[in-house]
Structure formats: structure tokens, C-alpha cells
Amino acid sequence: MNVIEVENLTKYYGNLRALDSVSFSVPEGAILGIIGPNGAGKTTLIRILSCLLAYDKGTVRLFGEEIKKCRDGIKKRIALLPQEARAHFYTLTPFEYVYHYLRMRGLSKREAKSRAEKAMKEFGIDYPNRIVSTLSGGMVRKTLLAMVLSANAELYFLDEPTVGLDVESRLKLWGILRERGKSSTIVLTSHYLNEISSVSDLVLLIKGGKLLAFGRPEEIAKQYLSSFTSKLVVFGDFRGDFVARRAGKNTFVYLRSKAEELEAIALLEELGVPFKREGLTIEDIFLVGGLE
């Protein structure tokens, strides 16, 4: 069964076409990662799928039902964490945030209390009784994630869920999402493309509102990076007769054959420049695939 079915979805903001005839489907129990440059249409797509934003053309179905006018029955089956989500009730504690959210979703006091306690442990929130106004941005974001993911929804929408989280918290979140994915369908966006590719069953790649690719992460990487066989991450600057892209303090060198790889390694070793060999990932599409 497909939980999400999108056919020729089009959305305008005035004269701007934010989404242009986008079509895809997501089966039950899959994790879909949506990637694309800034302004690609990722958040617009999430807002439409989660019943927050009307669309102009096409068809969108959740659980087999058209959502042009989203019924309360559909809304109760989904949970959303928007990118711009903020904590507004600053006198509440993380535990109270989760508890009252679950109560608003219709859970009994006993069940809400039990799930809130479980969420504190699952997310490693060791400050359950601190007032939210005293927490850092990352701690608040973790509280909001615990709140939304405590709902046991059938379909989750998470727009940039790891914004403000440290590395340890991001890794914990991906583990939680893999566990949730065993019983729920999850749609998420993220700028951490290597992590998207590791946690997602399917990846949707959009740019300028157009769907460029949809499928398994390894299939998309192969489609856009078919000219290359391997990659070297050089810790510093490196110039040579290779396809190379500078990103931060590192240089990413893309090799077209085993012979070219051996040539690059020999040159780097001769120069004494540190490096490591890595496989190609979706992130490389943005470095050499011409998507920026």
C-alpha cells in the first residue's frame, strides 16, 4: 500500500512556480528523504503533504484519500515538526511539553504520562523538569522532536529535524527514526546529505520545483555520478589533472578509473598530503553534479 501518492503536483506563489508537476509515491513503512538546493521547494512540498498548504494543480493522496480538503481523520494519523518550529510556552518543562501535546492528541492522562517519560529516556533528555526558557536552542529542538515522535503516528513529517543538534543527538535521532520506520512512514528533509542517504529507503531530489530524481539513494548517486568510480578526500588544497572540488578545508577528488585513482594516490603520497578514500554518496551530486 502507498501511504503517499502525488501526481502532477503544482504550486504557485504569485507568478513563481514553486512546484512543477511533481509525481511520486511512498509505500507504507518507508523513510523518504527530500533533498535539493536552497529554494528547491522542499518545505513547500512538506507543507502541502502535511495539510498546511493548499496546492493549485494535481492530486495528492494520503492513505488513499485525496487531501484537497484534509479531513480531521487524516490529520490525526500524521505528526509534523516544521523547520521553523519554536517553543512558545516558556514556563513549561520538556516533560510537560510532551505530556500536553499527547493529551491534545487525545491520549489519556496515564498513557500521556507513560509516553512522555519514555520519550525523555529515548532522546536522552536529562533535564525533563527544567523550564524551557532556560534551555539552549539545541535542547529545545530535541524537546520538540521528542514531543512529535512520541505520538506514535502512522506518518511523520520532519522538516530539517537536526537543525541545532550536536553530532551525538543527530546520531541518536537517526537511530530513533530507523526504529520508527519499522511501523510508520517518515518523510524528512535535511542538509546533512550523507546522513539522509544512510537513513532513507528512498530519496527525492528536487531543484527549482522540478523533480530531478526519485529512487533508492544508491541508484540516484549512480545516475548522477556514473562518470566516476571513486573519490579521495584530501585534507588540504590539491591541484592536478583531476576533477576536484574544494569544500571547506578539504578537496574532493573524483576519479574516472582505477588507473586515475592510482595516479592521484601516488601524487598525493609523493607530496606528503594526507587523504582518505571514500565511496560516492548523494552529497557528491551537489559538488560535481551541477545542482547548485
C-alpha atoms as a PDB file:
ATOM      1  CA  MET A   1       0.000   0.000   0.000  1.00  0.00           C
ATOM      2  CA  ASN A   2       1.206   3.511  -0.855  1.00  0.00           C
ATOM      3  CA  VAL A   3       0.773   5.899   2.074  1.00  0.00           C
ATOM      4  CA  ILE A   4       1.577   8.910  -0.127  1.00  0.00           C
ATOM      5  CA  GLU A   5       0.602   9.300  -3.793  1.00  0.00           C
ATOM      6  CA  VAL A   6       1.448  12.526  -5.629  1.00  0.00           C
ATOM      7  CA  GLU A   7       0.508  13.126  -9.264  1.00  0.00           C
ATOM      8  CA  ASN A   8       1.496  16.241 -11.252  1.00  0.00           C
ATOM      9  CA  LEU A   9       1.563  18.412  -8.119  1.00  0.00           C
ATOM     10  CA  THR A  10       1.922  22.102  -8.966  1.00  0.00           C
ATOM     11  CA  LYS A  11       2.050  25.070  -6.599  1.00  0.00           C
ATOM     12  CA  TYR A  12       2.334  28.773  -7.412  1.00  0.00           C
ATOM     13  CA  TYR A  13       3.337  31.727  -5.261  1.00  0.00           C
ATOM     14  CA  GLY A  14       2.099  34.523  -7.477  1.00  0.00           C
ATOM     15  CA  ASN A  15       3.984  34.088 -10.753  1.00  0.00           C
ATOM     16  CA  LEU A  16       6.582  31.797  -9.170  1.00  0.00           C
ATOM     17  CA  ARG A  17       6.057  28.089  -9.783  1.00  0.00           C
ATOM     18  CA  ALA A  18       7.323  26.604  -6.518  1.00  0.00           C
ATOM     19  CA  LEU A  19       6.462  23.016  -7.518  1.00  0.00           C
ATOM     20  CA  ASP A  20       6.198  21.949 -11.139  1.00  0.00           C
ATOM     21  CA  SER A  21       4.257  18.747 -11.987  1.00  0.00           C
ATOM     22  CA  VAL A  22       5.875  16.647  -9.259  1.00  0.00           C
ATOM     23  CA  SER A  23       4.858  12.956  -9.164  1.00  0.00           C
ATOM     24  CA  PHE A  24       5.969  10.165  -6.811  1.00  0.00           C
ATOM     25  CA  SER A  25       4.626   7.622  -4.314  1.00  0.00           C
ATOM     26  CA  VAL A  26       5.845   6.339  -0.953  1.00  0.00           C
ATOM     27  CA  PRO A  27       4.956   2.850   0.309  1.00  0.00           C
ATOM     28  CA  GLU A  28       3.953   2.078   3.865  1.00  0.00           C
ATOM     29  CA  GLY A  29       6.888   1.799   6.269  1.00  0.00           C
ATOM     30  CA  ALA A  30       9.397   3.647   4.067  1.00  0.00           C
ATOM     31  CA  ILE A  31      11.629   6.566   5.043  1.00  0.00           C
ATOM     32  CA  LEU A  32      11.719   9.236   2.321  1.00  0.00           C
ATOM     33  CA  GLY A  33      14.493  11.832   2.317  1.00  0.00           C
ATOM     34  CA  ILE A  34      13.845  15.012   0.328  1.00  0.00           C
ATOM     35  CA  ILE A  35      16.973  16.833  -0.824  1.00  0.00           C
ATOM     36  CA  GLY A  36      17.732  19.802  -3.029  1.00  0.00           C
ATOM     37  CA  PRO A  37      19.438  23.221  -3.009  1.00  0.00           C
ATOM     38  CA  ASN A  38      18.003  26.107  -1.010  1.00  0.00           C
ATOM     39  CA  GLY A  39      14.748  27.256  -2.591  1.00  0.00           C
ATOM     40  CA  ALA A  40      14.200  23.924  -4.334  1.00  0.00           C
ATOM     41  CA  GLY A  41      10.665  23.506  -2.956  1.00  0.00           C
ATOM     42  CA  LYS A  42      11.355  21.057  -0.121  1.00  0.00           C
ATOM     43  CA  THR A  43       9.478  22.935   2.606  1.00  0.00           C
ATOM     44  CA  THR A  44       6.595  23.765   0.252  1.00  0.00           C
ATOM     45  CA  LEU A  45       6.229  20.065  -0.504  1.00  0.00           C
ATOM     46  CA  ILE A  46       6.266  19.139   3.202  1.00  0.00           C
ATOM     47  CA  ARG A  47       3.646  21.789   3.996  1.00  0.00           C
ATOM     48  CA  ILE A  48       1.333  20.517   1.261  1.00  0.00           C
ATOM     49  CA  LEU A  49       1.713  16.864   2.250  1.00  0.00           C
ATOM     50  CA  SER A  50       1.008  17.684   5.901  1.00  0.00           C
ATOM     51  CA  CYS A  51      -2.231  19.550   5.067  1.00  0.00           C
ATOM     52  CA  LEU A  52      -0.875  23.002   5.950  1.00  0.00           C
ATOM     53  CA  LEU A  53      -0.795  24.458   2.448  1.00  0.00           C
ATOM     54  CA  ALA A  54      -3.238  24.265  -0.464  1.00  0.00           C
ATOM     55  CA  TYR A  55      -1.979  23.334  -3.930  1.00  0.00           C
ATOM     56  CA  ASP A  56      -3.068  24.584  -7.331  1.00  0.00           C
ATOM     57  CA  LYS A  57      -2.950  21.577  -9.644  1.00  0.00           C
ATOM     58  CA  GLY A  58      -2.529  17.824  -9.480  1.00  0.00           C
ATOM     59  CA  THR A  59      -3.569  15.201  -6.965  1.00  0.00           C
ATOM     60  CA  VAL A  60      -2.252  14.343  -3.504  1.00  0.00           C
ATOM     61  CA  ARG A  61      -3.495  11.296  -1.599  1.00  0.00           C
ATOM     62  CA  LEU A  62      -2.651  10.205   1.930  1.00  0.00           C
ATOM     63  CA  PHE A  63      -3.721   6.703   2.925  1.00  0.00           C
ATOM     64  CA  GLY A  64      -5.599   6.531  -0.402  1.00  0.00           C
ATOM     65  CA  GLU A  65      -7.654   9.668   0.274  1.00  0.00           C
ATOM     66  CA  GLU A  66      -7.439  12.954  -1.666  1.00  0.00           C
ATOM     67  CA  ILE A  67      -6.354  15.803   0.658  1.00  0.00           C
ATOM     68  CA  LYS A  68      -7.575  18.820  -1.295  1.00  0.00           C
ATOM     69  CA  LYS A  69      -9.757  19.313   1.784  1.00  0.00           C
ATOM     70  CA  CYS A  70      -7.908  17.483   4.519  1.00  0.00           C
ATOM     71  CA  ARG A  71     -10.279  15.742   6.951  1.00  0.00           C
ATOM     72  CA  ASP A  72      -9.619  15.611  10.679  1.00  0.00           C
ATOM     73  CA  GLY A  73      -9.396  11.833  10.332  1.00  0.00           C
ATOM     74  CA  ILE A  74      -6.296  12.242   8.146  1.00  0.00           C
ATOM     75  CA  LYS A  75      -4.740  14.884  10.392  1.00  0.00           C
ATOM     76  CA  LYS A  76      -4.974  12.573  13.404  1.00  0.00           C
ATOM     77  CA  ARG A  77      -2.873   9.975  11.585  1.00  0.00           C
ATOM     78  CA  ILE A  78       0.050  12.331  10.913  1.00  0.00           C
ATOM     79  CA  ALA A  79       2.563  14.277  13.031  1.00  0.00           C
ATOM     80  CA  LEU A  80       4.628  17.250  11.871  1.00  0.00           C
ATOM     81  CA  LEU A  81       7.758  19.073  13.016  1.00  0.00           C
ATOM     82  CA  PRO A  82       8.132  22.218  10.860  1.00  0.00           C
ATOM     83  CA  GLN A  83      11.561  23.690  10.189  1.00  0.00           C
ATOM     84  CA  GLU A  84      10.533  26.928  11.893  1.00  0.00           C
ATOM     85  CA  ALA A  85       9.060  25.218  14.994  1.00  0.00           C
ATOM     86  CA  ARG A  86       9.717  27.132  18.207  1.00  0.00           C
ATOM     87  CA  ALA A  87       8.864  26.618  21.868  1.00  0.00           C
ATOM     88  CA  HIS A  88       6.181  29.170  22.748  1.00  0.00           C
ATOM     89  CA  PHE A  89       5.182  28.133  26.259  1.00  0.00           C
ATOM     90  CA  TYR A  90       8.386  29.063  28.030  1.00  0.00           C
ATOM     91  CA  THR A  91       7.148  28.254  31.533  1.00  0.00           C
ATOM     92  CA  LEU A  92       6.646  24.565  30.678  1.00  0.00           C
ATOM     93  CA  THR A  93       9.280  21.871  31.111  1.00  0.00           C
ATOM     94  CA  PRO A  94      10.307  19.348  28.391  1.00  0.00           C
ATOM     95  CA  PHE A  95       8.259  16.660  30.150  1.00  0.00           C
ATOM     96  CA  GLU A  96       5.209  18.939  30.273  1.00  0.00           C
ATOM     97  CA  TYR A  97       5.611  19.847  26.605  1.00  0.00           C
ATOM     98  CA  VAL A  98       5.453  16.198  25.554  1.00  0.00           C
ATOM     99  CA  TYR A  99       2.705  15.357  28.047  1.00  0.00           C
ATOM    100  CA  HIS A 100       0.340  18.171  26.993  1.00  0.00           C
ATOM    101  CA  TYR A 101       0.994  17.509  23.287  1.00  0.00           C
ATOM    102  CA  LEU A 102      -0.100  13.909  23.754  1.00  0.00           C
ATOM    103  CA  ARG A 103      -3.139  14.972  25.757  1.00  0.00           C
ATOM    104  CA  MET A 104      -4.151  17.283  22.884  1.00  0.00           C
ATOM    105  CA  ARG A 105      -3.874  14.296  20.544  1.00  0.00           C
ATOM    106  CA  GLY A 106      -6.467  12.502  22.654  1.00  0.00           C
ATOM    107  CA  LEU A 107      -4.378  10.265  24.920  1.00  0.00           C
ATOM    108  CA  SER A 108      -5.469   9.571  28.486  1.00  0.00           C
ATOM    109  CA  LYS A 109      -3.525  11.132  31.360  1.00  0.00           C
ATOM    110  CA  ARG A 110      -1.974   7.785  32.201  1.00  0.00           C
ATOM    111  CA  GLU A 111      -0.894   6.985  28.646  1.00  0.00           C
ATOM    112  CA  ALA A 112       0.411  10.520  28.025  1.00  0.00           C
ATOM    113  CA  LYS A 113       2.477  10.394  31.220  1.00  0.00           C
ATOM    114  CA  SER A 114       3.901   6.983  30.314  1.00  0.00           C
ATOM    115  CA  ARG A 115       4.855   8.025  26.781  1.00  0.00           C
ATOM    116  CA  ALA A 116       6.325  11.332  27.955  1.00  0.00           C
ATOM    117  CA  GLU A 117       8.560   9.501  30.439  1.00  0.00           C
ATOM    118  CA  LYS A 118       9.621   7.098  27.691  1.00  0.00           C
ATOM    119  CA  ALA A 119      10.402  10.000  25.335  1.00  0.00           C
ATOM    120  CA  MET A 120      12.670  11.639  27.930  1.00  0.00           C
ATOM    121  CA  LYS A 121      14.726   8.452  28.187  1.00  0.00           C
ATOM    122  CA  GLU A 122      14.701   7.679  24.454  1.00  0.00           C
ATOM    123  CA  PHE A 123      16.034  11.105  23.489  1.00  0.00           C
ATOM    124  CA  GLY A 124      18.460  11.361  26.388  1.00  0.00           C
ATOM    125  CA  ILE A 125      16.692  14.413  27.833  1.00  0.00           C
ATOM    126  CA  ASP A 126      18.222  14.504  31.318  1.00  0.00           C
ATOM    127  CA  TYR A 127      16.656  17.891  32.046  1.00  0.00           C
ATOM    128  CA  PRO A 128      12.940  16.918  32.000  1.00  0.00           C
ATOM    129  CA  ASN A 129      11.952  19.341  34.762  1.00  0.00           C
ATOM    130  CA  ARG A 130      13.894  22.438  33.688  1.00  0.00           C
ATOM    131  CA  ILE A 131      11.905  25.414  32.434  1.00  0.00           C
ATOM    132  CA  VAL A 132      12.117  25.668  28.631  1.00  0.00           C
ATOM    133  CA  SER A 133      13.171  29.331  28.802  1.00  0.00           C
ATOM    134  CA  THR A 134      16.445  28.223  30.455  1.00  0.00           C
ATOM    135  CA  LEU A 135      17.363  25.723  27.708  1.00  0.00           C
ATOM    136  CA  SER A 136      19.697  26.159  24.744  1.00  0.00           C
ATOM    137  CA  GLY A 137      18.379  26.085  21.180  1.00  0.00           C
ATOM    138  CA  GLY A 138      19.617  22.524  20.663  1.00  0.00           C
ATOM    139  CA  MET A 139      17.972  21.341  23.878  1.00  0.00           C
ATOM    140  CA  VAL A 140      14.669  22.911  22.840  1.00  0.00           C
ATOM    141  CA  ARG A 141      14.894  21.320  19.388  1.00  0.00           C
ATOM    142  CA  LYS A 142      15.459  17.920  20.989  1.00  0.00           C
ATOM    143  CA  THR A 143      12.407  18.507  23.194  1.00  0.00           C
ATOM    144  CA  LEU A 144      10.261  19.310  20.159  1.00  0.00           C
ATOM    145  CA  LEU A 145      11.491  16.183  18.364  1.00  0.00           C
ATOM    146  CA  ALA A 146      10.681  14.070  21.419  1.00  0.00           C
ATOM    147  CA  MET A 147       7.241  15.678  21.502  1.00  0.00           C
ATOM    148  CA  VAL A 148       6.378  14.928  17.860  1.00  0.00           C
ATOM    149  CA  LEU A 149       7.912  11.461  17.723  1.00  0.00           C
ATOM    150  CA  SER A 150       6.146  10.397  20.926  1.00  0.00           C
ATOM    151  CA  ALA A 151       2.824  10.492  19.080  1.00  0.00           C
ATOM    152  CA  ASN A 152       3.085   7.010  17.506  1.00  0.00           C
ATOM    153  CA  ALA A 153       1.670   8.476  14.295  1.00  0.00           C
ATOM    154  CA  GLU A 154       1.299   6.482  11.099  1.00  0.00           C
ATOM    155  CA  LEU A 155       3.009   9.206   9.067  1.00  0.00           C
ATOM    156  CA  TYR A 156       5.648  11.682  10.273  1.00  0.00           C
ATOM    157  CA  PHE A 157       6.831  14.843   8.504  1.00  0.00           C
ATOM    158  CA  LEU A 158      10.133  16.274   9.769  1.00  0.00           C
ATOM    159  CA  ASP A 159      11.439  19.409   8.037  1.00  0.00           C
ATOM    160  CA  GLU A 160      15.159  19.842   8.807  1.00  0.00           C
ATOM    161  CA  PRO A 161      14.826  17.923  12.103  1.00  0.00           C
ATOM    162  CA  THR A 162      18.523  18.122  13.019  1.00  0.00           C
ATOM    163  CA  VAL A 163      18.846  21.927  12.911  1.00  0.00           C
ATOM    164  CA  GLY A 164      20.718  22.972  16.057  1.00  0.00           C
ATOM    165  CA  LEU A 165      21.502  19.429  17.214  1.00  0.00           C
ATOM    166  CA  ASP A 166      25.014  18.278  18.068  1.00  0.00           C
ATOM    167  CA  VAL A 167      26.563  15.223  16.414  1.00  0.00           C
ATOM    168  CA  GLU A 168      25.619  12.858  19.248  1.00  0.00           C
ATOM    169  CA  SER A 169      21.984  13.996  19.167  1.00  0.00           C
ATOM    170  CA  ARG A 170      21.830  13.667  15.366  1.00  0.00           C
ATOM    171  CA  LEU A 171      23.107  10.096  15.537  1.00  0.00           C
ATOM    172  CA  LYS A 172      20.589   9.276  18.270  1.00  0.00           C
ATOM    173  CA  LEU A 173      17.797  10.740  16.123  1.00  0.00           C
ATOM    174  CA  TRP A 174      18.711   8.632  13.085  1.00  0.00           C
ATOM    175  CA  GLY A 175      18.584   5.521  15.279  1.00  0.00           C
ATOM    176  CA  ILE A 176      15.151   6.513  16.580  1.00  0.00           C
ATOM    177  CA  LEU A 177      13.899   7.157  13.048  1.00  0.00           C
ATOM    178  CA  ARG A 178      15.081   3.744  11.869  1.00  0.00           C
ATOM    179  CA  GLU A 179      13.143   2.198  14.746  1.00  0.00           C
ATOM    180  CA  ARG A 180      10.026   4.287  13.986  1.00  0.00           C
ATOM    181  CA  GLY A 181      10.339   3.314  10.328  1.00  0.00           C
ATOM    182  CA  LYS A 182       9.532  -0.278  11.250  1.00  0.00           C
ATOM    183  CA  SER A 183       5.918   0.704  11.980  1.00  0.00           C
ATOM    184  CA  SER A 184       5.438   4.173  10.443  1.00  0.00           C
ATOM    185  CA  THR A 185       6.171   6.077   7.256  1.00  0.00           C
ATOM    186  CA  ILE A 186       8.562   9.024   7.595  1.00  0.00           C
ATOM    187  CA  VAL A 187       9.248  11.986   5.311  1.00  0.00           C
ATOM    188  CA  LEU A 188      12.153  14.267   6.168  1.00  0.00           C
ATOM    189  CA  THR A 189      14.360  16.967   4.706  1.00  0.00           C
ATOM    190  CA  SER A 190      17.926  17.680   5.732  1.00  0.00           C
ATOM    191  CA  HIS A 191      21.103  19.460   4.613  1.00  0.00           C
ATOM    192  CA  TYR A 192      23.148  16.567   6.048  1.00  0.00           C
ATOM    193  CA  LEU A 193      23.036  14.681   2.770  1.00  0.00           C
ATOM    194  CA  ASN A 194      25.328  11.839   3.778  1.00  0.00           C
ATOM    195  CA  GLU A 195      23.046  11.136   6.741  1.00  0.00           C
ATOM    196  CA  ILE A 196      19.941  11.353   4.530  1.00  0.00           C
ATOM    197  CA  SER A 197      21.403   8.683   2.279  1.00  0.00           C
ATOM    198  CA  SER A 198      22.202   6.429   5.242  1.00  0.00           C
ATOM    199  CA  VAL A 199      18.777   6.619   6.937  1.00  0.00           C
ATOM    200  CA  SER A 200      16.429   6.842   3.918  1.00  0.00           C
ATOM    201  CA  ASP A 201      14.951   3.992   1.914  1.00  0.00           C
ATOM    202  CA  LEU A 202      14.018   6.420  -0.855  1.00  0.00           C
ATOM    203  CA  VAL A 203      15.358   9.825  -1.874  1.00  0.00           C
ATOM    204  CA  LEU A 204      13.517  12.533  -3.795  1.00  0.00           C
ATOM    205  CA  LEU A 205      15.781  15.081  -5.467  1.00  0.00           C
ATOM    206  CA  ILE A 206      14.240  18.407  -6.490  1.00  0.00           C
ATOM    207  CA  LYS A 207      15.563  21.687  -7.856  1.00  0.00           C
ATOM    208  CA  GLY A 208      13.588  24.758  -8.840  1.00  0.00           C
ATOM    209  CA  GLY A 209      10.365  22.934  -8.039  1.00  0.00           C
ATOM    210  CA  LYS A 210      11.088  20.138 -10.523  1.00  0.00           C
ATOM    211  CA  LEU A 211      11.640  16.519  -9.583  1.00  0.00           C
ATOM    212  CA  LEU A 212      15.052  15.507 -10.924  1.00  0.00           C
ATOM    213  CA  ALA A 213      15.286  12.007  -9.491  1.00  0.00           C
ATOM    214  CA  PHE A 214      13.404   9.618  -7.244  1.00  0.00           C
ATOM    215  CA  GLY A 215      14.530   6.209  -6.028  1.00  0.00           C
ATOM    216  CA  ARG A 216      16.946   4.426  -3.746  1.00  0.00           C
ATOM    217  CA  PRO A 217      19.948   6.516  -2.600  1.00  0.00           C
ATOM    218  CA  GLU A 218      22.498   4.296  -4.296  1.00  0.00           C
ATOM    219  CA  GLU A 219      20.546   4.365  -7.558  1.00  0.00           C
ATOM    220  CA  ILE A 220      20.393   8.169  -7.605  1.00  0.00           C
ATOM    221  CA  ALA A 221      24.084   8.502  -6.786  1.00  0.00           C
ATOM    222  CA  LYS A 222      24.883   6.128  -9.632  1.00  0.00           C
ATOM    223  CA  GLN A 223      22.621   8.026 -12.035  1.00  0.00           C
ATOM    224  CA  TYR A 224      24.282  11.386 -11.410  1.00  0.00           C
ATOM    225  CA  LEU A 225      27.823  10.170 -10.766  1.00  0.00           C
ATOM    226  CA  SER A 226      28.129   7.457 -13.394  1.00  0.00           C
ATOM    227  CA  SER A 227      31.285   9.075 -14.817  1.00  0.00           C
ATOM    228  CA  PHE A 228      33.222   8.390 -11.617  1.00  0.00           C
ATOM    229  CA  THR A 229      34.337   5.203  -9.891  1.00  0.00           C
ATOM    230  CA  SER A 230      35.737   6.517  -6.606  1.00  0.00           C
ATOM    231  CA  LYS A 231      36.577   9.599  -4.540  1.00  0.00           C
ATOM    232  CA  LEU A 232      39.520  10.813  -2.495  1.00  0.00           C
ATOM    233  CA  VAL A 233      39.086  13.290   0.353  1.00  0.00           C
ATOM    234  CA  VAL A 234      42.246  15.370   0.532  1.00  0.00           C
ATOM    235  CA  PHE A 235      42.866  17.208   3.800  1.00  0.00           C
ATOM    236  CA  GLY A 236      44.007  20.477   2.290  1.00  0.00           C
ATOM    237  CA  ASP A 237      44.421  22.014  -1.142  1.00  0.00           C
ATOM    238  CA  PHE A 238      45.254  19.771  -4.083  1.00  0.00           C
ATOM    239  CA  ARG A 239      45.718  20.654  -7.724  1.00  0.00           C
ATOM    240  CA  GLY A 240      46.234  18.235 -10.558  1.00  0.00           C
ATOM    241  CA  ASP A 241      44.726  16.986 -13.780  1.00  0.00           C
ATOM    242  CA  PHE A 242      41.674  15.595 -11.972  1.00  0.00           C
ATOM    243  CA  VAL A 243      38.063  16.572 -11.305  1.00  0.00           C
ATOM    244  CA  ALA A 244      38.357  18.267  -7.922  1.00  0.00           C
ATOM    245  CA  ARG A 245      36.083  20.426  -5.800  1.00  0.00           C
ATOM    246  CA  ARG A 246      37.119  22.462  -2.788  1.00  0.00           C
ATOM    247  CA  ALA A 247      34.662  22.364   0.158  1.00  0.00           C
ATOM    248  CA  GLY A 248      35.716  23.926   3.446  1.00  0.00           C
ATOM    249  CA  LYS A 249      39.233  22.816   4.384  1.00  0.00           C
ATOM    250  CA  ASN A 250      39.134  19.711   2.187  1.00  0.00           C
ATOM    251  CA  THR A 251      39.427  18.959  -1.513  1.00  0.00           C
ATOM    252  CA  PHE A 252      37.247  16.217  -3.013  1.00  0.00           C
ATOM    253  CA  VAL A 253      38.904  14.460  -5.932  1.00  0.00           C
ATOM    254  CA  TYR A 254      36.690  12.410  -8.262  1.00  0.00           C
ATOM    255  CA  LEU A 255      38.312   9.600 -10.230  1.00  0.00           C
ATOM    256  CA  ARG A 256      37.092   8.139 -13.523  1.00  0.00           C
ATOM    257  CA  SER A 257      39.019   4.862 -13.393  1.00  0.00           C
ATOM    258  CA  LYS A 258      41.228   2.687 -11.208  1.00  0.00           C
ATOM    259  CA  ALA A 259      44.272   3.885 -13.141  1.00  0.00           C
ATOM    260  CA  GLU A 260      43.404   7.522 -12.446  1.00  0.00           C
ATOM    261  CA  GLU A 261      42.890   6.697  -8.774  1.00  0.00           C
ATOM    262  CA  LEU A 262      46.321   5.077  -8.528  1.00  0.00           C
ATOM    263  CA  GLU A 263      47.867   8.088 -10.271  1.00  0.00           C
ATOM    264  CA  ALA A 264      46.236  10.518  -7.833  1.00  0.00           C
ATOM    265  CA  ILE A 265      47.257   8.427  -4.797  1.00  0.00           C
ATOM    266  CA  ALA A 266      50.852   8.221  -5.991  1.00  0.00           C
ATOM    267  CA  LEU A 267      51.000  12.001  -6.459  1.00  0.00           C
ATOM    268  CA  LEU A 268      49.479  12.689  -3.046  1.00  0.00           C
ATOM    269  CA  GLU A 269      51.895  10.308  -1.331  1.00  0.00           C
ATOM    270  CA  GLU A 270      54.821  11.924  -3.154  1.00  0.00           C
ATOM    271  CA  LEU A 271      53.678  15.366  -1.991  1.00  0.00           C
ATOM    272  CA  GLY A 272      53.046  14.103   1.536  1.00  0.00           C
ATOM    273  CA  VAL A 273      49.460  15.362   1.537  1.00  0.00           C
ATOM    274  CA  PRO A 274      47.106  13.386   3.840  1.00  0.00           C
ATOM    275  CA  PHE A 275      43.976  11.882   2.271  1.00  0.00           C
ATOM    276  CA  LYS A 276      41.468   9.052   2.545  1.00  0.00           C
ATOM    277  CA  ARG A 277      39.442   7.043   0.036  1.00  0.00           C
ATOM    278  CA  GLU A 278      35.636   7.192   0.276  1.00  0.00           C
ATOM    279  CA  GLY A 279      32.709   5.834  -1.670  1.00  0.00           C
ATOM    280  CA  LEU A 280      30.464   8.139  -3.676  1.00  0.00           C
ATOM    281  CA  THR A 281      27.384   9.481  -1.884  1.00  0.00           C
ATOM    282  CA  ILE A 282      24.410  11.689  -2.650  1.00  0.00           C
ATOM    283  CA  GLU A 283      26.349  14.626  -1.209  1.00  0.00           C
ATOM    284  CA  ASP A 284      28.733  14.398  -4.155  1.00  0.00           C
ATOM    285  CA  ILE A 285      25.886  15.173  -6.537  1.00  0.00           C
ATOM    286  CA  PHE A 286      25.925  18.726  -5.208  1.00  0.00           C
ATOM    287  CA  LEU A 287      29.701  19.006  -5.562  1.00  0.00           C
ATOM    288  CA  VAL A 288      30.102  17.648  -9.086  1.00  0.00           C
ATOM    289  CA  GLY A 289      26.571  17.029 -10.341  1.00  0.00           C
ATOM    290  CA  GLY A 290      25.818  20.646 -11.221  1.00  0.00           C
ATOM    291  CA  LEU A 291      22.850  21.032  -8.874  1.00  0.00           C
ATOM    292  CA  GLU A 292      23.887  24.222  -7.116  1.00  0.00           C
END
